[in-house]
Amino acid sequence: MSLILGIESSCDETAAALVTSGREILAHKLAGQESAHRPYGGVVPEIAARAHIEILPALIEQVLAEARLSLGDVDAIAATAGPGLVGGVMVGLVTAKGLALAADKPLVAVNHLEGHALSPMLSQPDLAFPYLLLLVSGGHCQLLFVEGVGRYRRLATTIDDAAGEAFDKTAKLLGLGFPGGPAVEQAARAGDPKAVPLPRPLLGSSDPHFSFAGLKSAVLRARDAGLYRPEDIAASFQQAAVDCLVDRTGRALAAAVGATALVVAGGVAANQAVRGALAQLAADHGLPFVAPPLWLCTDNAAMIAWAGALRFEAGMVDGLDAPARARWPLDPEAEKARGAGVKA
């Protein structure tokens, strides 16, 4: 059984964790930066990178102390190497390289999206490859057929905005606060999901992809009309987003022949309306529905350590020249989606 130190710094969460290949999380520490970014209504990359530099060394010391272990006890060091805000990615990756060099340990450069993709296995030991994954977060919205560690077939992506980005922008438009996703979900509980007529982009389309830019623009028009309560706009937006996610995921299930389960991961997977609708979709198709615990949905180091453990045991280690990447698709061979550009 291997023991991996994982480091995550791709956005505004600084985290470190010790995880075994037997799914045991020995220690996990996470520090958020919400108060630093709240005045700007979103994450400021330069502020995030500086905070990672200040916070990360102490977090690593804390997880080692909590587990009563030293750096010499770990088998490898895993760090997010992309995609993400490249300044923050560099902080975590360079830290991991320094530790790996000093302790003579292997380095595993982890794709942040692979961390999300494999995270449900941490809490669901029976989950087996291949499964259909809806990876839905602030920066990504994709449907992937997960065939194994390092083996991903992209079935759909967003051609403009990610679902999480649309949630964040909706929160900002409605003055609901930061972070936006939880703020919209909370406001939606007090609203009527049928009160505001909003579009469902690509609903029912033969095009497999997602689109949320038009929905976001419709929220702006609804706000400016002055006819609706913010809670009703939030509830109607959330329902429209859920309808799009379910429709596109249902279409992908037809292409995911042999899937063992429908799995959701990423920050938006913490949304209860999204979870409930996808659970019903899985039941309608006779498949198990798997979602990580809420704390594993958002960015964390346990998923990076876990992905690192699986890659390490498969012999997938990296050199100290592993680059930090702002963009890093899980399926680089996937056909480019119309309009998606580098987000594909």
Protein backbone atom coordinates (compact mmCIF):
# COMPACT_ATOMS: atom_id res chain seq x y z
CA MET A 1 0.00 0.00 0.00
CA SER A 2 1.42 3.38 -1.00
CA LEU A 3 1.19 6.67 0.88
CA ILE A 4 0.92 9.89 -1.12
CA LEU A 5 1.28 13.52 -0.11
CA GLY A 6 -1.08 15.55 -2.28
CA ILE A 7 -0.97 19.30 -2.95
CA GLU A 8 -3.72 21.42 -4.56
CA SER A 9 -3.40 25.10 -5.55
CA SER A 10 -5.13 25.48 -8.92
CA CYS A 11 -7.56 28.26 -7.95
CA ASP A 12 -8.33 29.86 -4.60
CA GLU A 13 -8.16 26.82 -2.32
CA THR A 14 -4.82 25.87 -0.79
CA ALA A 15 -4.77 22.26 0.38
CA ALA A 16 -2.54 19.38 1.41
CA ALA A 17 -3.45 15.78 2.24
CA LEU A 18 -2.02 12.37 3.04
CA VAL A 19 -3.93 9.52 1.39
CA THR A 20 -3.16 5.83 0.99
CA SER A 21 -3.87 3.65 -2.03
CA GLY A 22 -6.28 1.83 0.28
CA ARG A 23 -8.56 4.90 0.29
CA GLU A 24 -7.59 6.00 3.80
CA ILE A 25 -7.38 9.78 4.25
CA LEU A 26 -4.86 10.15 7.06
CA ALA A 27 -4.95 13.95 7.13
CA HIS A 28 -6.35 16.81 5.09
CA LYS A 29 -5.98 20.55 5.53
CA LEU A 30 -7.58 23.26 3.41
CA ALA A 31 -7.46 27.03 3.56
CA GLY A 32 -9.88 29.15 1.56
CA GLN A 33 -9.47 32.74 0.40
CA GLU A 34 -13.08 33.89 0.18
CA SER A 35 -12.60 37.01 2.27
CA ALA A 36 -9.68 38.15 0.09
CA HIS A 37 -11.62 37.81 -3.16
CA ARG A 38 -15.11 38.80 -2.00
CA PRO A 39 -14.61 42.56 -2.62
CA TYR A 40 -13.90 41.79 -6.28
CA GLY A 41 -16.83 39.41 -6.80
CA GLY A 42 -14.51 36.70 -8.10
CA VAL A 43 -11.05 35.17 -7.84
CA VAL A 44 -8.11 37.52 -8.54
CA PRO A 45 -5.24 35.33 -9.82
CA GLU A 46 -2.41 37.42 -8.37
CA ILE A 47 -3.99 37.50 -4.91
CA ALA A 48 -4.60 33.75 -5.06
CA ALA A 49 -1.01 32.94 -6.02
CA ARG A 50 0.45 35.08 -3.23
CA ALA A 51 -1.86 33.44 -0.70
CA HIS A 52 -0.75 29.96 -1.81
CA ILE A 53 2.88 30.96 -1.22
CA GLU A 54 2.07 32.15 2.30
CA ILE A 55 -0.21 29.28 3.32
CA LEU A 56 1.05 26.09 1.69
CA PRO A 57 4.22 25.32 3.73
CA ALA A 58 2.30 25.42 7.02
CA LEU A 59 -0.47 23.20 5.64
CA ILE A 60 2.04 20.55 4.59
CA GLU A 61 3.63 20.64 8.04
CA GLN A 62 0.18 20.32 9.64
CA VAL A 63 -0.89 17.22 7.68
CA LEU A 64 2.41 15.48 8.43
CA ALA A 65 2.10 16.36 12.12
CA GLU A 66 -1.54 15.25 12.30
CA ALA A 67 -0.67 11.87 10.79
CA ARG A 68 2.47 11.66 12.95
CA LEU A 69 4.60 11.06 9.88
CA SER A 70 7.60 12.64 8.23
CA LEU A 71 8.28 13.40 4.60
CA GLY A 72 10.50 10.33 4.51
CA ASP A 73 7.47 8.12 5.19
CA VAL A 74 5.61 9.02 2.00
CA ASP A 75 6.09 7.03 -1.19
CA ALA A 76 5.48 9.89 -3.64
CA ILE A 77 4.43 13.52 -3.81
CA ALA A 78 1.52 14.48 -6.05
CA ALA A 79 0.57 17.99 -7.04
CA THR A 80 -1.89 19.63 -9.38
CA ALA A 81 0.04 20.55 -12.53
CA GLY A 82 -2.98 22.07 -14.33
CA PRO A 83 -5.39 23.13 -15.57
CA GLY A 84 -6.05 26.23 -13.53
CA LEU A 85 -4.74 29.70 -12.73
CA VAL A 86 -1.18 29.11 -13.79
CA GLY A 87 0.37 31.26 -11.04
CA GLY A 88 -1.30 29.17 -8.36
CA VAL A 89 -0.55 25.92 -10.17
CA MET A 90 3.14 26.88 -10.27
CA VAL A 91 3.23 27.47 -6.51
CA GLY A 92 1.96 23.99 -5.68
CA LEU A 93 3.93 22.21 -8.37
CA VAL A 94 7.25 23.93 -7.57
CA THR A 95 6.71 23.17 -3.88
CA ALA A 96 6.12 19.50 -4.72
CA LYS A 97 9.23 19.43 -6.92
CA GLY A 98 11.34 20.90 -4.13
CA LEU A 99 10.06 18.35 -1.62
CA ALA A 100 10.52 15.49 -4.06
CA LEU A 101 14.09 16.55 -4.78
CA ALA A 102 14.97 17.11 -1.12
CA ALA A 103 13.47 13.80 0.07
CA ASP A 104 14.40 11.79 -3.04
CA LYS A 105 10.76 10.89 -3.71
CA PRO A 106 8.95 10.39 -7.03
CA LEU A 107 6.81 13.25 -8.35
CA VAL A 108 3.34 12.70 -9.78
CA ALA A 109 2.02 15.66 -11.80
CA VAL A 110 -1.77 15.34 -11.55
CA ASN A 111 -4.35 16.78 -13.92
CA HIS A 112 -6.82 18.62 -11.68
CA LEU A 113 -9.70 17.27 -13.77
CA GLU A 114 -8.47 13.71 -13.24
CA GLY A 115 -8.54 14.40 -9.52
CA HIS A 116 -12.24 15.26 -9.82
CA ALA A 117 -12.87 12.35 -12.19
CA LEU A 118 -11.44 9.76 -9.80
CA SER A 119 -12.59 11.36 -6.53
CA PRO A 120 -15.88 9.38 -6.33
CA MET A 121 -13.80 6.20 -5.93
CA LEU A 122 -12.50 7.49 -2.61
CA SER A 123 -15.94 7.21 -1.03
CA GLN A 124 -17.40 4.47 -3.24
CA PRO A 125 -15.07 1.43 -3.24
CA ASP A 126 -17.45 -0.56 -5.45
CA LEU A 127 -17.35 1.97 -8.29
CA ALA A 128 -15.75 0.25 -11.28
CA PHE A 129 -14.56 1.39 -14.70
CA PRO A 130 -15.97 2.36 -17.11
CA TYR A 131 -18.44 4.97 -15.89
CA LEU A 132 -20.07 8.08 -17.35
CA LEU A 133 -18.89 11.21 -15.59
CA LEU A 134 -20.50 14.63 -15.59
CA LEU A 135 -17.63 16.91 -14.58
CA VAL A 136 -19.24 20.20 -13.71
CA SER A 137 -17.39 23.06 -12.06
CA GLY A 138 -16.59 26.75 -12.30
CA GLY A 139 -14.18 26.25 -15.17
CA HIS A 140 -15.39 23.07 -16.87
CA CYS A 141 -18.55 21.34 -17.95
CA GLN A 142 -17.86 18.02 -19.65
CA LEU A 143 -19.24 14.54 -20.10
CA LEU A 144 -16.49 11.94 -20.03
CA PHE A 145 -16.47 8.17 -20.43
CA VAL A 146 -13.96 7.15 -17.75
CA GLU A 147 -12.36 3.93 -18.97
CA GLY A 148 -9.45 3.78 -16.51
CA VAL A 149 -6.67 5.80 -14.91
CA GLY A 150 -5.37 8.11 -17.63
CA ARG A 151 -8.01 6.89 -20.10
CA TYR A 152 -10.81 9.37 -20.77
CA ARG A 153 -13.08 9.78 -23.77
CA ARG A 154 -14.78 13.17 -23.94
CA LEU A 155 -18.36 12.97 -25.18
CA ALA A 156 -19.35 16.60 -24.68
CA THR A 157 -18.03 19.93 -23.45
CA THR A 158 -19.28 23.51 -23.15
CA ILE A 159 -19.10 25.67 -26.25
CA ASP A 160 -19.00 28.85 -24.15
CA ASP A 161 -19.43 29.13 -20.37
CA ALA A 162 -19.17 26.37 -17.79
CA ALA A 163 -22.20 25.75 -15.59
CA GLY A 164 -20.34 26.88 -12.48
CA GLU A 165 -19.33 30.10 -14.20
CA ALA A 166 -22.99 30.75 -15.03
CA PHE A 167 -23.92 30.20 -11.37
CA ASP A 168 -21.20 32.62 -10.25
CA LYS A 169 -22.17 35.29 -12.78
CA THR A 170 -25.85 34.93 -11.86
CA ALA A 171 -25.00 35.48 -8.21
CA LYS A 172 -23.02 38.59 -9.11
CA LEU A 173 -25.82 39.96 -11.30
CA LEU A 174 -28.35 39.45 -8.51
CA GLY A 175 -26.09 40.78 -5.75
CA LEU A 176 -26.18 37.48 -3.87
CA GLY A 177 -22.54 37.46 -2.81
CA PHE A 178 -19.45 35.28 -3.25
CA PRO A 179 -18.94 32.36 -3.72
CA GLY A 180 -21.77 32.40 -6.20
CA GLY A 181 -22.83 28.77 -6.52
CA PRO A 182 -23.91 28.28 -2.88
CA ALA A 183 -25.44 31.78 -2.85
CA VAL A 184 -27.67 31.01 -5.84
CA GLU A 185 -28.71 27.66 -4.35
CA GLN A 186 -29.64 29.30 -1.06
CA ALA A 187 -31.63 32.08 -2.75
CA ALA A 188 -33.38 29.55 -5.00
CA ARG A 189 -34.88 27.81 -1.96
CA ALA A 190 -37.02 30.89 -1.37
CA GLY A 191 -37.98 31.35 -5.02
CA ASP A 192 -40.34 29.94 -7.63
CA PRO A 193 -38.51 27.96 -10.34
CA LYS A 194 -41.37 28.63 -12.77
CA ALA A 195 -41.67 32.37 -12.17
CA VAL A 196 -39.22 33.60 -14.82
CA PRO A 197 -39.27 32.34 -18.43
CA LEU A 198 -35.63 31.50 -19.15
CA PRO A 199 -34.10 29.63 -22.11
CA ARG A 200 -32.63 26.12 -22.04
CA PRO A 201 -29.79 26.34 -24.60
CA LEU A 202 -29.37 23.24 -26.79
CA LEU A 203 -32.14 21.37 -24.95
CA GLY A 204 -33.19 18.46 -27.14
CA SER A 205 -30.51 19.24 -29.72
CA SER A 206 -28.61 16.55 -31.61
CA ASP A 207 -25.48 18.56 -30.78
CA PRO A 208 -24.02 16.78 -27.71
CA HIS A 209 -22.51 19.86 -26.06
CA PHE A 210 -23.48 22.39 -23.37
CA SER A 211 -24.10 26.12 -23.64
CA PHE A 212 -24.81 28.51 -20.77
CA ALA A 213 -23.90 31.96 -22.15
CA GLY A 214 -27.43 32.62 -23.44
CA LEU A 215 -28.95 31.59 -20.13
CA LYS A 216 -26.64 33.96 -18.29
CA SER A 217 -27.61 36.82 -20.62
CA ALA A 218 -31.29 36.05 -20.06
CA VAL A 219 -30.75 36.39 -16.31
CA LEU A 220 -29.34 39.88 -16.92
CA ARG A 221 -32.39 40.84 -18.97
CA ALA A 222 -34.75 39.45 -16.34
CA ARG A 223 -33.00 41.44 -13.65
CA ASP A 224 -33.09 44.65 -15.65
CA ALA A 225 -36.80 44.20 -16.42
CA GLY A 226 -37.55 44.89 -12.77
CA LEU A 227 -40.50 42.49 -12.76
CA TYR A 228 -39.11 39.62 -10.71
CA ARG A 229 -37.77 38.99 -7.23
CA PRO A 230 -34.09 37.97 -7.08
CA GLU A 231 -35.12 34.72 -5.40
CA ASP A 232 -37.43 33.86 -8.29
CA ILE A 233 -34.73 34.62 -10.85
CA ALA A 234 -32.27 32.46 -8.90
CA ALA A 235 -34.73 29.58 -8.68
CA SER A 236 -35.67 29.83 -12.34
CA PHE A 237 -32.01 30.00 -13.38
CA GLN A 238 -31.11 26.99 -11.28
CA GLN A 239 -33.98 24.97 -12.76
CA ALA A 240 -32.97 25.92 -16.29
CA ALA A 241 -29.37 24.89 -15.61
CA VAL A 242 -30.51 21.58 -14.11
CA ASP A 243 -32.75 20.90 -17.10
CA CYS A 244 -29.81 21.46 -19.47
CA LEU A 245 -27.48 19.25 -17.45
CA VAL A 246 -30.01 16.42 -17.29
CA ASP A 247 -30.91 16.64 -20.98
CA ARG A 248 -27.29 16.59 -22.16
CA THR A 249 -26.31 13.83 -19.71
CA GLY A 250 -29.27 11.72 -20.76
CA ARG A 251 -28.16 12.02 -24.37
CA ALA A 252 -24.62 10.95 -23.44
CA LEU A 253 -25.86 7.85 -21.66
CA ALA A 254 -26.88 6.46 -25.04
CA ALA A 255 -23.26 6.75 -26.21
CA ALA A 256 -21.73 5.38 -23.00
CA VAL A 257 -22.39 1.71 -23.76
CA GLY A 258 -21.36 -0.51 -20.86
CA ALA A 259 -21.26 2.25 -18.25
CA THR A 260 -21.36 0.86 -14.72
CA ALA A 261 -22.74 4.06 -13.17
CA LEU A 262 -23.61 7.70 -13.67
CA VAL A 263 -21.12 9.78 -11.70
CA VAL A 264 -21.01 13.51 -11.00
CA ALA A 265 -17.99 15.43 -9.70
CA GLY A 266 -16.76 19.01 -9.45
CA GLY A 267 -17.91 21.99 -7.45
CA VAL A 268 -21.41 22.19 -8.96
CA ALA A 269 -21.93 18.57 -7.90
CA ALA A 270 -22.44 19.94 -4.38
CA ASN A 271 -25.72 21.54 -5.53
CA GLN A 272 -28.60 19.49 -4.14
CA ALA A 273 -30.97 20.26 -7.02
CA VAL A 274 -28.35 19.04 -9.50
CA ARG A 275 -27.73 15.88 -7.46
CA GLY A 276 -31.39 15.08 -7.10
CA ALA A 277 -32.14 15.46 -10.79
CA LEU A 278 -29.14 13.35 -11.83
CA ALA A 279 -30.01 10.66 -9.30
CA GLN A 280 -33.46 10.42 -10.89
CA LEU A 281 -31.91 10.29 -14.37
CA ALA A 282 -29.65 7.42 -13.31
CA ALA A 283 -32.60 5.56 -11.81
CA ASP A 284 -34.58 6.04 -15.02
CA HIS A 285 -31.72 4.34 -16.91
CA GLY A 286 -31.28 1.57 -14.36
CA LEU A 287 -27.84 2.75 -13.29
CA PRO A 288 -26.33 3.48 -9.87
CA PHE A 289 -25.77 7.16 -9.14
CA VAL A 290 -22.49 8.11 -7.47
CA ALA A 291 -21.53 11.52 -6.10
CA PRO A 292 -18.67 12.29 -3.70
CA PRO A 293 -19.36 13.77 -0.25
CA LEU A 294 -19.86 17.51 -0.50
CA TRP A 295 -16.36 18.37 0.73
CA LEU A 296 -14.82 16.20 -2.00
CA CYS A 297 -16.81 17.98 -4.72
CA THR A 298 -15.03 21.29 -4.31
CA ASP A 299 -11.28 21.65 -4.80
CA ASN A 300 -9.28 19.63 -2.27
CA ALA A 301 -5.96 17.84 -1.92
CA ALA A 302 -7.38 14.42 -1.02
CA MET A 303 -8.54 13.89 -4.61
CA ILE A 304 -5.09 14.94 -5.89
CA ALA A 305 -3.36 12.53 -3.53
CA TRP A 306 -5.80 9.76 -4.51
CA ALA A 307 -5.26 10.32 -8.24
CA GLY A 308 -1.55 10.44 -7.47
CA ALA A 309 -1.76 7.10 -5.67
CA LEU A 310 -3.49 5.42 -8.61
CA ARG A 311 -1.01 6.87 -11.08
CA PHE A 312 1.97 5.98 -8.87
CA GLU A 313 0.87 2.38 -8.54
CA ALA A 314 0.43 2.23 -12.32
CA GLY A 315 4.00 3.45 -12.79
CA MET A 316 2.92 6.87 -14.05
CA VAL A 317 5.51 9.13 -12.42
CA ASP A 318 6.91 12.39 -13.76
CA GLY A 319 10.23 14.16 -14.00
CA LEU A 320 11.10 17.40 -12.25
CA ASP A 321 10.66 19.15 -15.59
CA ALA A 322 6.89 18.52 -15.56
CA PRO A 323 5.29 21.81 -16.69
CA ALA A 324 2.58 23.88 -15.04
CA ARG A 325 -0.32 24.19 -17.48
CA ALA A 326 -3.18 26.65 -17.66
CA ARG A 327 -4.99 24.31 -20.08
CA TRP A 328 -4.75 20.52 -19.98
CA PRO A 329 -7.58 18.49 -21.55
CA LEU A 330 -8.21 14.98 -20.24
CA ASP A 331 -8.90 13.82 -23.78
CA PRO A 332 -6.48 15.70 -26.04
CA GLU A 333 -7.64 13.67 -29.05
CA ALA A 334 -11.27 14.76 -28.73
CA GLU A 335 -12.75 16.57 -31.70
CA LYS A 336 -12.89 20.31 -31.16
CA ALA A 337 -16.35 21.53 -30.25
CA ARG A 338 -17.87 24.32 -32.31
CA GLY A 339 -17.12 27.65 -30.65
CA ALA A 340 -15.39 26.13 -27.65
CA GLY A 341 -11.86 27.17 -28.59
CA VAL A 342 -9.29 26.44 -25.90
CA LYS A 343 -12.00 25.33 -23.47
CA ALA A 344 -12.48 22.18 -25.53
